[in-house]
Amino acid sequence: MKLFPAIDIKNGQCVRLRQGSFQDVLVYSDIPLKIAKQWEASGASFIHIVDLDGALVGHSVNDEVIKSIVSEVKIPIQVGGGIRTIKDIESKLDLGVERVIIGTKAVKDPAFIKEAISTFGSKRIVIGIDAKDGMVAIEGWEKVSNYQAVTLALEMKKYGVKTIVYTDISKDGMLQGPNISHTKEMVQTTGLNIIASGGVSSLKDLEMLEEIEVYGAIVGKALYENRIDLKKAVNLFEKKTV
């Protein structure tokens, strides 16, 4: 199981939201690059970045911050937030990002995903499915669509998608454990590479995710609150699969 330490960027700062609320923000660092280097030094093999401002307004906002991270760390980076056009994907990949995460656009225009996969390949395109009570949320989690999360994942699979970041919004930033039942359903029903996101608070949570055979797990607030030691977690969950 791969671990993805998270860096959420808002106003150029490294922050965490509670349950996706832009009114409930906690700033952890004014220098996201410093955090990225910390994760790299702890043995991370990948970094997960979200441009929160971009997710809300629908276009990239924090590219300069992302560019500084990509240029100074050696491990690959995946980025989401505000990626809505082919040009958006191109510009992110041109920054040196390994792969991009597309969320809202996958719901509003599924055919766009087919074009993106055809243009860039399935290794570069990840779909972000954020759910509230099993229903897909969009536009920075501000709206809930009529799509069931699993249904959307299966549709994306038809277009050649291989990897999905699945976030349970009710769990995100709450340190109350991931939604194991919904995540397990996603893994078993779709057969895709599922990266679980939201609620990871301990090594025990990571063990439970490993048991349901997720491809990876995003760890955010638990790292910032020192509830999980990244170096120890990497040794426990990644080293044995390398």
C-alpha atoms as a PDB file:
ATOM      1  CA  MET A   1       0.000   0.000   0.000  1.00  0.00           C
ATOM      2  CA  LYS A   2       1.389   3.366  -1.057  1.00  0.00           C
ATOM      3  CA  LEU A   3       1.237   6.329   1.290  1.00  0.00           C
ATOM      4  CA  PHE A   4       0.497   9.815  -0.001  1.00  0.00           C
ATOM      5  CA  PRO A   5       1.315  12.581   2.499  1.00  0.00           C
ATOM      6  CA  ALA A   6      -0.947  15.507   1.714  1.00  0.00           C
ATOM      7  CA  ILE A   7      -0.290  19.182   1.194  1.00  0.00           C
ATOM      8  CA  ASP A   8      -3.415  21.305   0.836  1.00  0.00           C
ATOM      9  CA  ILE A   9      -2.649  24.812  -0.411  1.00  0.00           C
ATOM     10  CA  LYS A  10      -4.811  27.863   0.213  1.00  0.00           C
ATOM     11  CA  ASN A  11      -3.575  31.419  -0.274  1.00  0.00           C
ATOM     12  CA  GLY A  12      -0.086  29.995  -0.783  1.00  0.00           C
ATOM     13  CA  GLN A  13      -0.133  28.377   2.660  1.00  0.00           C
ATOM     14  CA  CYS A  14      -0.240  24.755   3.791  1.00  0.00           C
ATOM     15  CA  VAL A  15      -3.612  24.251   5.494  1.00  0.00           C
ATOM     16  CA  ARG A  16      -6.157  21.626   6.496  1.00  0.00           C
ATOM     17  CA  LEU A  17      -9.929  21.899   6.300  1.00  0.00           C
ATOM     18  CA  ARG A  18     -12.438  20.148   8.534  1.00  0.00           C
ATOM     19  CA  GLN A  19     -15.104  18.232   6.568  1.00  0.00           C
ATOM     20  CA  GLY A  20     -14.224  20.247   3.468  1.00  0.00           C
ATOM     21  CA  SER A  21     -15.397  23.541   4.942  1.00  0.00           C
ATOM     22  CA  PHE A  22     -13.584  26.602   3.597  1.00  0.00           C
ATOM     23  CA  GLN A  23     -14.750  28.406   6.732  1.00  0.00           C
ATOM     24  CA  ASP A  24     -12.904  25.955   8.980  1.00  0.00           C
ATOM     25  CA  VAL A  25      -9.242  26.359   8.013  1.00  0.00           C
ATOM     26  CA  LEU A  26      -6.138  25.670  10.077  1.00  0.00           C
ATOM     27  CA  VAL A  27      -2.808  26.954   8.762  1.00  0.00           C
ATOM     28  CA  TYR A  28       0.141  24.628   9.397  1.00  0.00           C
ATOM     29  CA  SER A  29       2.855  26.367   7.404  1.00  0.00           C
ATOM     30  CA  ASP A  30       3.450  29.488   5.359  1.00  0.00           C
ATOM     31  CA  ILE A  31       5.966  27.540   3.261  1.00  0.00           C
ATOM     32  CA  PRO A  32       4.465  24.408   1.648  1.00  0.00           C
ATOM     33  CA  LEU A  33       7.865  23.610   0.079  1.00  0.00           C
ATOM     34  CA  LYS A  34       9.304  23.118   3.555  1.00  0.00           C
ATOM     35  CA  ILE A  35       6.587  20.539   4.303  1.00  0.00           C
ATOM     36  CA  ALA A  36       7.207  18.756   0.988  1.00  0.00           C
ATOM     37  CA  LYS A  37      10.908  18.449   1.775  1.00  0.00           C
ATOM     38  CA  GLN A  38      10.010  17.110   5.215  1.00  0.00           C
ATOM     39  CA  TRP A  39       7.826  14.386   3.709  1.00  0.00           C
ATOM     40  CA  GLU A  40      10.540  13.493   1.210  1.00  0.00           C
ATOM     41  CA  ALA A  41      13.144  13.246   3.972  1.00  0.00           C
ATOM     42  CA  SER A  42      10.801  10.923   5.892  1.00  0.00           C
ATOM     43  CA  GLY A  43      10.800   8.434   3.028  1.00  0.00           C
ATOM     44  CA  ALA A  44       7.645   9.340   1.136  1.00  0.00           C
ATOM     45  CA  SER A  45       7.565   7.967  -2.411  1.00  0.00           C
ATOM     46  CA  PHE A  46       4.792  10.282  -3.622  1.00  0.00           C
ATOM     47  CA  ILE A  47       3.206  13.580  -2.526  1.00  0.00           C
ATOM     48  CA  HIS A  48      -0.459  14.506  -2.875  1.00  0.00           C
ATOM     49  CA  ILE A  49      -1.165  18.218  -3.418  1.00  0.00           C
ATOM     50  CA  VAL A  50      -4.526  19.966  -3.614  1.00  0.00           C
ATOM     51  CA  ASP A  51      -4.949  23.541  -4.822  1.00  0.00           C
ATOM     52  CA  LEU A  52      -7.932  24.384  -2.625  1.00  0.00           C
ATOM     53  CA  ASP A  53      -8.371  27.830  -4.143  1.00  0.00           C
ATOM     54  CA  GLY A  54      -8.359  26.236  -7.582  1.00  0.00           C
ATOM     55  CA  ALA A  55     -10.982  23.670  -6.574  1.00  0.00           C
ATOM     56  CA  LEU A  56     -13.280  26.463  -5.447  1.00  0.00           C
ATOM     57  CA  VAL A  57     -12.908  28.902  -8.360  1.00  0.00           C
ATOM     58  CA  GLY A  58     -12.436  26.366 -11.150  1.00  0.00           C
ATOM     59  CA  HIS A  59      -8.956  27.255 -12.354  1.00  0.00           C
ATOM     60  CA  SER A  60      -5.401  26.903 -11.068  1.00  0.00           C
ATOM     61  CA  VAL A  61      -4.385  29.462  -8.456  1.00  0.00           C
ATOM     62  CA  ASN A  62      -1.273  28.203  -6.675  1.00  0.00           C
ATOM     63  CA  ASP A  63       0.879  27.122  -9.619  1.00  0.00           C
ATOM     64  CA  GLU A  64       3.946  29.033  -8.438  1.00  0.00           C
ATOM     65  CA  VAL A  65       3.907  27.216  -5.115  1.00  0.00           C
ATOM     66  CA  ILE A  66       3.407  23.885  -6.858  1.00  0.00           C
ATOM     67  CA  LYS A  67       6.215  24.642  -9.312  1.00  0.00           C
ATOM     68  CA  SER A  68       8.603  25.401  -6.447  1.00  0.00           C
ATOM     69  CA  ILE A  69       7.810  22.039  -4.849  1.00  0.00           C
ATOM     70  CA  VAL A  70       8.145  20.066  -8.088  1.00  0.00           C
ATOM     71  CA  SER A  71      11.492  21.688  -8.856  1.00  0.00           C
ATOM     72  CA  GLU A  72      13.008  21.018  -5.447  1.00  0.00           C
ATOM     73  CA  VAL A  73      11.844  17.531  -4.477  1.00  0.00           C
ATOM     74  CA  LYS A  74      12.816  14.393  -6.357  1.00  0.00           C
ATOM     75  CA  ILE A  75       9.756  12.241  -5.656  1.00  0.00           C
ATOM     76  CA  PRO A  76       6.688  12.341  -7.940  1.00  0.00           C
ATOM     77  CA  ILE A  77       3.733  14.572  -7.204  1.00  0.00           C
ATOM     78  CA  GLN A  78       0.041  14.328  -7.998  1.00  0.00           C
ATOM     79  CA  VAL A  79      -2.041  17.506  -8.041  1.00  0.00           C
ATOM     80  CA  GLY A  80      -5.747  18.251  -7.953  1.00  0.00           C
ATOM     81  CA  GLY A  81      -7.912  21.339  -7.702  1.00  0.00           C
ATOM     82  CA  GLY A  82      -9.363  23.456 -10.502  1.00  0.00           C
ATOM     83  CA  ILE A  83      -8.311  21.226 -13.376  1.00  0.00           C
ATOM     84  CA  ARG A  84     -11.177  21.526 -15.873  1.00  0.00           C
ATOM     85  CA  THR A  85      -9.664  21.676 -19.378  1.00  0.00           C
ATOM     86  CA  ILE A  86      -7.108  19.860 -21.533  1.00  0.00           C
ATOM     87  CA  LYS A  87      -4.979  22.991 -21.324  1.00  0.00           C
ATOM     88  CA  ASP A  88      -5.160  22.849 -17.513  1.00  0.00           C
ATOM     89  CA  ILE A  89      -3.822  19.301 -17.633  1.00  0.00           C
ATOM     90  CA  GLU A  90      -1.052  20.298 -20.021  1.00  0.00           C
ATOM     91  CA  SER A  91       0.022  23.221 -17.859  1.00  0.00           C
ATOM     92  CA  LYS A  92       0.191  21.047 -14.733  1.00  0.00           C
ATOM     93  CA  LEU A  93       2.201  18.350 -16.492  1.00  0.00           C
ATOM     94  CA  ASP A  94       4.478  21.063 -17.899  1.00  0.00           C
ATOM     95  CA  LEU A  95       5.233  22.093 -14.315  1.00  0.00           C
ATOM     96  CA  GLY A  96       6.697  18.626 -13.847  1.00  0.00           C
ATOM     97  CA  VAL A  97       3.753  17.076 -12.023  1.00  0.00           C
ATOM     98  CA  GLU A  98       3.567  13.284 -12.441  1.00  0.00           C
ATOM     99  CA  ARG A  99      -0.212  13.055 -12.654  1.00  0.00           C
ATOM    100  CA  VAL A 100      -3.289  15.222 -12.266  1.00  0.00           C
ATOM    101  CA  ILE A 101      -6.497  14.604 -10.353  1.00  0.00           C
ATOM    102  CA  ILE A 102      -9.775  15.570 -12.010  1.00  0.00           C
ATOM    103  CA  GLY A 103     -12.904  15.846  -9.894  1.00  0.00           C
ATOM    104  CA  THR A 104     -15.759  18.192 -10.787  1.00  0.00           C
ATOM    105  CA  LYS A 105     -15.218  17.882 -14.533  1.00  0.00           C
ATOM    106  CA  ALA A 106     -15.613  14.092 -14.361  1.00  0.00           C
ATOM    107  CA  VAL A 107     -19.160  14.589 -13.093  1.00  0.00           C
ATOM    108  CA  LYS A 108     -20.155  17.457 -15.366  1.00  0.00           C
ATOM    109  CA  ASP A 109     -18.558  16.179 -18.570  1.00  0.00           C
ATOM    110  CA  PRO A 110     -17.584  12.488 -18.429  1.00  0.00           C
ATOM    111  CA  ALA A 111     -16.608  12.504 -22.123  1.00  0.00           C
ATOM    112  CA  PHE A 112     -13.822  14.938 -21.206  1.00  0.00           C
ATOM    113  CA  ILE A 113     -12.167  12.132 -19.248  1.00  0.00           C
ATOM    114  CA  LYS A 114     -12.169   9.948 -22.339  1.00  0.00           C
ATOM    115  CA  GLU A 115     -10.378  12.730 -24.231  1.00  0.00           C
ATOM    116  CA  ALA A 116      -7.902  13.264 -21.384  1.00  0.00           C
ATOM    117  CA  ILE A 117      -7.039   9.560 -21.189  1.00  0.00           C
ATOM    118  CA  SER A 118      -6.656   9.409 -24.964  1.00  0.00           C
ATOM    119  CA  THR A 119      -4.385  12.464 -24.964  1.00  0.00           C
ATOM    120  CA  PHE A 120      -2.215  11.856 -21.904  1.00  0.00           C
ATOM    121  CA  GLY A 121      -2.653   8.178 -21.005  1.00  0.00           C
ATOM    122  CA  SER A 122      -4.180   6.529 -17.942  1.00  0.00           C
ATOM    123  CA  LYS A 123      -0.957   6.841 -15.933  1.00  0.00           C
ATOM    124  CA  ARG A 124      -1.250  10.637 -15.943  1.00  0.00           C
ATOM    125  CA  ILE A 125      -4.961  10.980 -15.174  1.00  0.00           C
ATOM    126  CA  VAL A 126      -6.468  10.220 -11.766  1.00  0.00           C
ATOM    127  CA  ILE A 127     -10.126  10.770 -10.931  1.00  0.00           C
ATOM    128  CA  GLY A 128     -11.007  12.359  -7.612  1.00  0.00           C
ATOM    129  CA  ILE A 129     -14.344  11.188  -6.275  1.00  0.00           C
ATOM    130  CA  ASP A 130     -15.415  13.070  -3.159  1.00  0.00           C
ATOM    131  CA  ALA A 131     -18.557  11.775  -1.502  1.00  0.00           C
ATOM    132  CA  LYS A 132     -21.101  12.822   1.094  1.00  0.00           C
ATOM    133  CA  ASP A 133     -23.334   9.929   2.166  1.00  0.00           C
ATOM    134  CA  GLY A 134     -22.265   8.011  -0.930  1.00  0.00           C
ATOM    135  CA  MET A 135     -23.153  10.867  -3.305  1.00  0.00           C
ATOM    136  CA  VAL A 136     -20.519  12.753  -5.301  1.00  0.00           C
ATOM    137  CA  ALA A 137     -19.711  16.320  -4.222  1.00  0.00           C
ATOM    138  CA  ILE A 138     -18.279  18.871  -6.668  1.00  0.00           C
ATOM    139  CA  GLU A 139     -16.879  22.408  -6.921  1.00  0.00           C
ATOM    140  CA  GLY A 140     -14.638  22.329  -3.884  1.00  0.00           C
ATOM    141  CA  TRP A 141     -17.184  20.181  -2.034  1.00  0.00           C
ATOM    142  CA  GLU A 142     -19.663  23.056  -2.042  1.00  0.00           C
ATOM    143  CA  LYS A 143     -22.326  21.170  -4.041  1.00  0.00           C
ATOM    144  CA  VAL A 144     -23.612  17.589  -4.002  1.00  0.00           C
ATOM    145  CA  SER A 145     -24.469  15.995  -7.364  1.00  0.00           C
ATOM    146  CA  ASN A 146     -27.016  13.293  -8.203  1.00  0.00           C
ATOM    147  CA  TYR A 147     -24.248  10.770  -8.908  1.00  0.00           C
ATOM    148  CA  GLN A 148     -23.546   7.802  -6.663  1.00  0.00           C
ATOM    149  CA  ALA A 149     -19.808   7.479  -6.045  1.00  0.00           C
ATOM    150  CA  VAL A 150     -19.560   3.853  -7.156  1.00  0.00           C
ATOM    151  CA  THR A 151     -21.640   4.516 -10.285  1.00  0.00           C
ATOM    152  CA  LEU A 152     -19.299   7.339 -11.302  1.00  0.00           C
ATOM    153  CA  ALA A 153     -16.260   5.149 -10.674  1.00  0.00           C
ATOM    154  CA  LEU A 154     -17.644   2.404 -12.922  1.00  0.00           C
ATOM    155  CA  GLU A 155     -18.360   4.928 -15.659  1.00  0.00           C
ATOM    156  CA  MET A 156     -14.814   6.256 -15.404  1.00  0.00           C
ATOM    157  CA  LYS A 157     -13.507   2.700 -15.688  1.00  0.00           C
ATOM    158  CA  LYS A 158     -15.198   2.405 -19.087  1.00  0.00           C
ATOM    159  CA  TYR A 159     -13.144   5.385 -20.265  1.00  0.00           C
ATOM    160  CA  GLY A 160      -9.872   3.734 -19.291  1.00  0.00           C
ATOM    161  CA  VAL A 161      -9.357   5.246 -15.825  1.00  0.00           C
ATOM    162  CA  LYS A 162      -7.129   3.079 -13.626  1.00  0.00           C
ATOM    163  CA  THR A 163      -6.798   5.100 -10.413  1.00  0.00           C
ATOM    164  CA  ILE A 164      -9.291   6.921  -8.198  1.00  0.00           C
ATOM    165  CA  VAL A 165      -8.793   9.058  -5.111  1.00  0.00           C
ATOM    166  CA  TYR A 166     -11.874   8.370  -3.012  1.00  0.00           C
ATOM    167  CA  THR A 167     -12.583  10.886  -0.263  1.00  0.00           C
ATOM    168  CA  ASP A 168     -15.289  10.614   2.353  1.00  0.00           C
ATOM    169  CA  ILE A 169     -15.901  14.289   3.131  1.00  0.00           C
ATOM    170  CA  SER A 170     -17.627  13.651   6.455  1.00  0.00           C
ATOM    171  CA  LYS A 171     -14.391  12.041   7.669  1.00  0.00           C
ATOM    172  CA  ASP A 172     -11.932  14.499   6.170  1.00  0.00           C
ATOM    173  CA  GLY A 173      -9.853  16.399   8.707  1.00  0.00           C
ATOM    174  CA  MET A 174     -11.796  14.886  11.610  1.00  0.00           C
ATOM    175  CA  LEU A 175      -9.231  12.254  12.732  1.00  0.00           C
ATOM    176  CA  GLN A 176     -12.082   9.817  13.385  1.00  0.00           C
ATOM    177  CA  GLY A 177     -10.977   7.020  11.086  1.00  0.00           C
ATOM    178  CA  PRO A 178     -11.732   6.396   7.387  1.00  0.00           C
ATOM    179  CA  ASN A 179     -15.050   5.152   6.047  1.00  0.00           C
ATOM    180  CA  ILE A 180     -14.022   1.518   5.694  1.00  0.00           C
ATOM    181  CA  SER A 181     -17.371   0.167   4.457  1.00  0.00           C
ATOM    182  CA  HIS A 182     -17.785   2.675   1.606  1.00  0.00           C
ATOM    183  CA  THR A 183     -14.120   2.403   0.636  1.00  0.00           C
ATOM    184  CA  LYS A 184     -14.292  -1.405   0.640  1.00  0.00           C
ATOM    185  CA  GLU A 185     -17.360  -1.256  -1.612  1.00  0.00           C
ATOM    186  CA  MET A 186     -15.430   0.994  -3.997  1.00  0.00           C
ATOM    187  CA  VAL A 187     -12.459  -1.402  -4.065  1.00  0.00           C
ATOM    188  CA  GLN A 188     -14.500  -4.569  -4.539  1.00  0.00           C
ATOM    189  CA  THR A 189     -17.096  -3.215  -6.974  1.00  0.00           C
ATOM    190  CA  THR A 190     -14.764  -1.363  -9.331  1.00  0.00           C
ATOM    191  CA  GLY A 191     -11.523  -3.372  -9.269  1.00  0.00           C
ATOM    192  CA  LEU A 192      -9.673  -0.063  -9.757  1.00  0.00           C
ATOM    193  CA  ASN A 193      -6.657   1.296  -7.903  1.00  0.00           C
ATOM    194  CA  ILE A 194      -8.402   3.087  -5.038  1.00  0.00           C
ATOM    195  CA  ILE A 195      -6.509   5.672  -3.002  1.00  0.00           C
ATOM    196  CA  ALA A 196      -8.417   6.196   0.238  1.00  0.00           C
ATOM    197  CA  SER A 197      -8.655   9.720   1.611  1.00  0.00           C
ATOM    198  CA  GLY A 198     -10.260  11.234   4.675  1.00  0.00           C
ATOM    199  CA  GLY A 199     -10.151  10.428   8.369  1.00  0.00           C
ATOM    200  CA  VAL A 200      -6.855   8.544   8.708  1.00  0.00           C
ATOM    201  CA  SER A 201      -5.768   9.169  12.298  1.00  0.00           C
ATOM    202  CA  SER A 202      -3.502   6.283  13.304  1.00  0.00           C
ATOM    203  CA  LEU A 203      -1.432   3.332  12.152  1.00  0.00           C
ATOM    204  CA  LYS A 204      -4.453   1.176  13.033  1.00  0.00           C
ATOM    205  CA  ASP A 205      -6.527   3.055  10.446  1.00  0.00           C
ATOM    206  CA  LEU A 206      -3.832   2.357   7.864  1.00  0.00           C
ATOM    207  CA  GLU A 207      -3.869  -1.316   8.826  1.00  0.00           C
ATOM    208  CA  MET A 208      -7.634  -1.468   8.237  1.00  0.00           C
ATOM    209  CA  LEU A 209      -7.238   0.150   4.837  1.00  0.00           C
ATOM    210  CA  GLU A 210      -4.492  -2.299   3.942  1.00  0.00           C
ATOM    211  CA  GLU A 211      -6.801  -5.172   4.900  1.00  0.00           C
ATOM    212  CA  ILE A 212      -9.447  -4.068   2.382  1.00  0.00           C
ATOM    213  CA  GLU A 213      -6.697  -3.923  -0.251  1.00  0.00           C
ATOM    214  CA  VAL A 214      -6.696  -0.268  -1.200  1.00  0.00           C
ATOM    215  CA  TYR A 215      -3.928   0.755  -3.581  1.00  0.00           C
ATOM    216  CA  GLY A 216      -2.947   3.696  -1.423  1.00  0.00           C
ATOM    217  CA  ALA A 217      -3.888   5.992   1.442  1.00  0.00           C
ATOM    218  CA  ILE A 218      -3.661   9.759   1.750  1.00  0.00           C
ATOM    219  CA  VAL A 219      -2.501  10.950   5.140  1.00  0.00           C
ATOM    220  CA  GLY A 220      -2.959  14.587   6.066  1.00  0.00           C
ATOM    221  CA  LYS A 221      -3.931  15.994   9.424  1.00  0.00           C
ATOM    222  CA  ALA A 222      -2.596  12.980  11.336  1.00  0.00           C
ATOM    223  CA  LEU A 223       0.908  13.875  10.122  1.00  0.00           C
ATOM    224  CA  TYR A 224       0.553  17.542  11.018  1.00  0.00           C
ATOM    225  CA  GLU A 225      -0.815  16.666  14.458  1.00  0.00           C
ATOM    226  CA  ASN A 226       2.007  14.121  15.008  1.00  0.00           C
ATOM    227  CA  ARG A 227      -0.402  11.216  15.389  1.00  0.00           C
ATOM    228  CA  ILE A 228       1.397   9.271  12.674  1.00  0.00           C
ATOM    229  CA  ASP A 229       5.142   9.214  12.138  1.00  0.00           C
ATOM    230  CA  LEU A 230       5.559   9.134   8.361  1.00  0.00           C
ATOM    231  CA  LYS A 231       8.923   7.396   8.424  1.00  0.00           C
ATOM    232  CA  LYS A 232       7.537   4.598  10.593  1.00  0.00           C
ATOM    233  CA  ALA A 233       4.404   4.301   8.448  1.00  0.00           C
ATOM    234  CA  VAL A 234       6.451   4.075   5.238  1.00  0.00           C
ATOM    235  CA  ASN A 235       8.548   1.292   6.741  1.00  0.00           C
ATOM    236  CA  LEU A 236       5.433  -0.591   7.851  1.00  0.00           C
ATOM    237  CA  PHE A 237       3.274  -0.269   4.743  1.00  0.00           C
ATOM    238  CA  GLU A 238       5.472   0.517   1.756  1.00  0.00           C
ATOM    239  CA  LYS A 239       8.764  -1.229   2.304  1.00  0.00           C
ATOM    240  CA  LYS A 240       7.244  -4.679   2.397  1.00  0.00           C
ATOM    241  CA  THR A 241       5.550  -4.142  -0.979  1.00  0.00           C
ATOM    242  CA  VAL A 242       8.541  -2.634  -2.774  1.00  0.00           C
END
